[in-house]
């Protein structure tokens, strides 16, 4: 892919920036991660988020609204 390196620049932000987008990502990612690591543990935050995930016609979330990569 020629020229790709000219369009992709990695930008690191300090934690002191306190970005609203990063806060939102943390608030969503943590309950999902906790659920994936220990699905039997009660997790009210995940239950709220799960209701908002995209679903297949059969109601399946994983692979549709929740993508888990190794």
N, C-alpha and C. Protein backbone atom coordinates (compact mmCIF):
# COMPACT_ATOMS: atom_id res chain seq x y z
N UNK A 1 0.84 -1.17 0.00
CA UNK A 1 0.00 0.00 0.00
C UNK A 1 0.88 1.24 0.00
N UNK A 2 1.04 1.79 -1.11
CA UNK A 2 1.89 2.95 -1.25
C UNK A 2 1.24 4.19 -0.65
N UNK A 3 2.02 4.97 0.05
CA UNK A 3 1.53 6.22 0.59
C UNK A 3 0.76 6.09 1.90
N UNK A 4 0.55 4.86 2.37
CA UNK A 4 -0.23 4.66 3.59
C UNK A 4 0.48 5.26 4.80
N UNK A 5 1.79 5.15 4.83
CA UNK A 5 2.53 5.69 5.97
C UNK A 5 2.40 7.21 6.09
N UNK A 6 2.02 7.88 5.02
CA UNK A 6 1.83 9.32 5.06
C UNK A 6 0.50 9.71 5.70
N UNK A 7 -0.46 8.78 5.74
CA UNK A 7 -1.79 9.12 6.25
C UNK A 7 -2.05 8.63 7.66
N UNK A 8 -1.23 7.69 8.15
CA UNK A 8 -1.44 7.15 9.49
C UNK A 8 -0.34 7.61 10.43
N UNK A 9 -0.67 8.50 11.33
CA UNK A 9 0.28 8.96 12.33
C UNK A 9 -0.24 8.57 13.70
N UNK A 10 0.59 7.94 14.49
CA UNK A 10 0.21 7.57 15.86
C UNK A 10 0.37 8.79 16.74
N UNK A 11 -0.67 9.10 17.48
CA UNK A 11 -0.64 10.24 18.39
C UNK A 11 -0.90 9.71 19.80
N UNK A 12 0.03 9.93 20.68
CA UNK A 12 -0.12 9.50 22.08
C UNK A 12 -0.55 10.70 22.91
N UNK A 13 -1.60 10.51 23.70
CA UNK A 13 -2.07 11.58 24.57
C UNK A 13 -1.75 11.23 26.01
N UNK A 14 -1.39 12.21 26.78
CA UNK A 14 -1.10 12.02 28.19
C UNK A 14 -2.39 11.70 28.94
N UNK A 15 -2.29 10.94 30.01
CA UNK A 15 -3.46 10.65 30.85
C UNK A 15 -4.01 11.94 31.46
N UNK A 16 -3.19 12.95 31.58
CA UNK A 16 -3.61 14.23 32.16
C UNK A 16 -4.56 14.98 31.25
N UNK A 17 -4.64 14.58 29.98
CA UNK A 17 -5.53 15.25 29.03
C UNK A 17 -6.98 15.08 29.46
N UNK A 18 -7.32 13.94 30.07
CA UNK A 18 -8.66 13.68 30.59
C UNK A 18 -9.72 13.80 29.48
N UNK A 19 -9.48 13.15 28.39
CA UNK A 19 -10.36 13.20 27.23
C UNK A 19 -11.70 12.51 27.51
N UNK A 20 -12.79 13.15 27.15
CA UNK A 20 -14.12 12.58 27.36
C UNK A 20 -14.27 11.28 26.57
N UNK A 21 -13.70 11.22 25.38
CA UNK A 21 -13.79 10.01 24.57
C UNK A 21 -13.08 8.83 25.22
N UNK A 22 -11.93 9.09 25.83
CA UNK A 22 -11.20 8.01 26.52
C UNK A 22 -11.94 7.57 27.77
N UNK A 23 -12.56 8.50 28.46
CA UNK A 23 -13.34 8.14 29.65
C UNK A 23 -14.51 7.25 29.26
N UNK A 24 -15.19 7.59 28.19
CA UNK A 24 -16.32 6.80 27.72
C UNK A 24 -15.85 5.41 27.29
N UNK A 25 -14.75 5.34 26.58
CA UNK A 25 -14.21 4.04 26.14
C UNK A 25 -13.87 3.18 27.35
N UNK A 26 -13.27 3.77 28.39
CA UNK A 26 -12.94 3.02 29.60
C UNK A 26 -14.20 2.53 30.30
N UNK A 27 -15.23 3.36 30.36
CA UNK A 27 -16.47 2.99 31.05
C UNK A 27 -17.19 1.85 30.33
N UNK A 28 -16.98 1.73 29.03
CA UNK A 28 -17.62 0.65 28.26
C UNK A 28 -16.73 -0.59 28.24
N UNK A 29 -15.43 -0.40 28.06
CA UNK A 29 -14.53 -1.54 27.91
C UNK A 29 -14.35 -2.35 29.18
N UNK A 30 -14.30 -1.71 30.32
CA UNK A 30 -14.04 -2.44 31.56
C UNK A 30 -15.14 -3.46 31.89
N UNK A 31 -16.42 -3.10 31.88
CA UNK A 31 -17.44 -4.12 32.17
C UNK A 31 -17.45 -5.27 31.16
N UNK A 32 -17.16 -4.97 29.90
CA UNK A 32 -17.11 -6.02 28.89
C UNK A 32 -15.94 -6.95 29.17
N UNK A 33 -14.78 -6.38 29.47
CA UNK A 33 -13.61 -7.19 29.78
C UNK A 33 -13.81 -8.05 31.01
N UNK A 34 -14.42 -7.47 32.05
CA UNK A 34 -14.69 -8.24 33.27
C UNK A 34 -15.63 -9.40 32.98
N UNK A 35 -16.62 -9.15 32.12
CA UNK A 35 -17.56 -10.22 31.76
C UNK A 35 -16.86 -11.34 30.99
N UNK A 36 -15.98 -10.98 30.08
CA UNK A 36 -15.29 -11.99 29.28
C UNK A 36 -14.32 -12.80 30.14
N UNK A 37 -13.69 -12.17 31.13
CA UNK A 37 -12.75 -12.88 31.98
C UNK A 37 -13.44 -13.76 33.01
N UNK A 38 -14.61 -13.34 33.48
CA UNK A 38 -15.32 -14.10 34.51
C UNK A 38 -16.83 -13.97 34.27
N UNK A 39 -17.37 -14.73 33.32
CA UNK A 39 -18.78 -14.58 32.93
C UNK A 39 -19.78 -14.95 34.03
N UNK A 40 -19.36 -15.71 35.04
CA UNK A 40 -20.28 -16.11 36.11
C UNK A 40 -20.42 -15.06 37.20
N UNK A 41 -19.52 -14.09 37.21
CA UNK A 41 -19.57 -13.03 38.23
C UNK A 41 -20.66 -12.02 37.89
N UNK A 42 -21.47 -11.62 38.86
CA UNK A 42 -22.50 -10.60 38.58
C UNK A 42 -21.86 -9.31 38.07
N UNK A 43 -22.46 -8.71 37.07
CA UNK A 43 -21.88 -7.52 36.43
C UNK A 43 -23.03 -6.68 35.88
N UNK A 44 -23.58 -5.81 36.71
CA UNK A 44 -24.74 -5.00 36.30
C UNK A 44 -24.43 -4.07 35.14
N UNK A 45 -23.21 -3.52 35.12
CA UNK A 45 -22.83 -2.62 34.04
C UNK A 45 -22.86 -3.35 32.70
N UNK A 46 -22.38 -4.60 32.68
CA UNK A 46 -22.41 -5.35 31.43
C UNK A 46 -23.84 -5.65 31.01
N UNK A 47 -24.70 -5.96 31.96
CA UNK A 47 -26.10 -6.24 31.64
C UNK A 47 -26.75 -5.04 30.95
N UNK A 48 -26.43 -3.84 31.41
CA UNK A 48 -26.97 -2.63 30.79
C UNK A 48 -26.41 -2.47 29.38
N UNK A 49 -25.11 -2.68 29.22
CA UNK A 49 -24.48 -2.55 27.90
C UNK A 49 -24.97 -3.62 26.93
N UNK A 50 -25.13 -4.84 27.42
CA UNK A 50 -25.53 -5.95 26.56
C UNK A 50 -26.87 -5.69 25.88
N UNK A 51 -27.75 -4.99 26.55
CA UNK A 51 -29.05 -4.68 25.97
C UNK A 51 -28.93 -3.76 24.76
N UNK A 52 -27.80 -3.08 24.63
CA UNK A 52 -27.60 -2.12 23.55
C UNK A 52 -26.80 -2.68 22.37
N UNK A 53 -26.27 -3.91 22.52
CA UNK A 53 -25.48 -4.51 21.45
C UNK A 53 -26.35 -4.90 20.25
N UNK A 54 -25.76 -4.83 19.08
CA UNK A 54 -26.41 -5.33 17.87
C UNK A 54 -26.55 -6.84 17.97
N UNK A 55 -27.62 -7.39 17.44
CA UNK A 55 -27.88 -8.82 17.55
C UNK A 55 -28.21 -9.42 16.19
N UNK A 56 -27.97 -10.73 16.10
CA UNK A 56 -28.36 -11.46 14.89
C UNK A 56 -29.88 -11.66 14.94
N UNK A 57 -30.43 -12.23 13.91
CA UNK A 57 -31.87 -12.50 13.89
C UNK A 57 -32.28 -13.47 14.99
N UNK A 58 -31.34 -14.32 15.41
CA UNK A 58 -31.63 -15.29 16.47
C UNK A 58 -31.33 -14.73 17.86
N UNK A 59 -30.88 -13.49 17.94
CA UNK A 59 -30.60 -12.85 19.23
C UNK A 59 -29.18 -13.01 19.70
N UNK A 60 -28.31 -13.56 18.87
CA UNK A 60 -26.92 -13.77 19.25
C UNK A 60 -26.16 -12.45 19.23
N UNK A 61 -25.42 -12.17 20.29
CA UNK A 61 -24.64 -10.94 20.40
C UNK A 61 -23.21 -11.15 19.94
N UNK A 62 -22.58 -12.22 20.40
CA UNK A 62 -21.17 -12.47 20.09
C UNK A 62 -20.98 -12.71 18.60
N UNK A 63 -20.10 -11.93 18.02
CA UNK A 63 -19.86 -12.03 16.59
C UNK A 63 -20.70 -11.02 15.80
N UNK A 64 -21.68 -10.42 16.46
CA UNK A 64 -22.52 -9.42 15.81
C UNK A 64 -22.27 -8.06 16.42
N UNK A 65 -22.68 -7.88 17.65
CA UNK A 65 -22.47 -6.61 18.32
C UNK A 65 -21.28 -6.62 19.26
N UNK A 66 -20.77 -7.81 19.55
CA UNK A 66 -19.60 -7.96 20.42
C UNK A 66 -18.57 -8.79 19.67
N UNK A 67 -17.51 -8.16 19.25
CA UNK A 67 -16.43 -8.85 18.55
C UNK A 67 -15.28 -9.04 19.52
N UNK A 68 -14.83 -10.27 19.68
CA UNK A 68 -13.73 -10.58 20.59
C UNK A 68 -12.58 -11.12 19.77
N UNK A 69 -11.46 -10.41 19.85
CA UNK A 69 -10.27 -10.80 19.10
C UNK A 69 -9.25 -11.39 20.06
N UNK A 70 -8.48 -12.36 19.59
CA UNK A 70 -7.48 -12.99 20.50
C UNK A 70 -6.43 -12.01 20.97
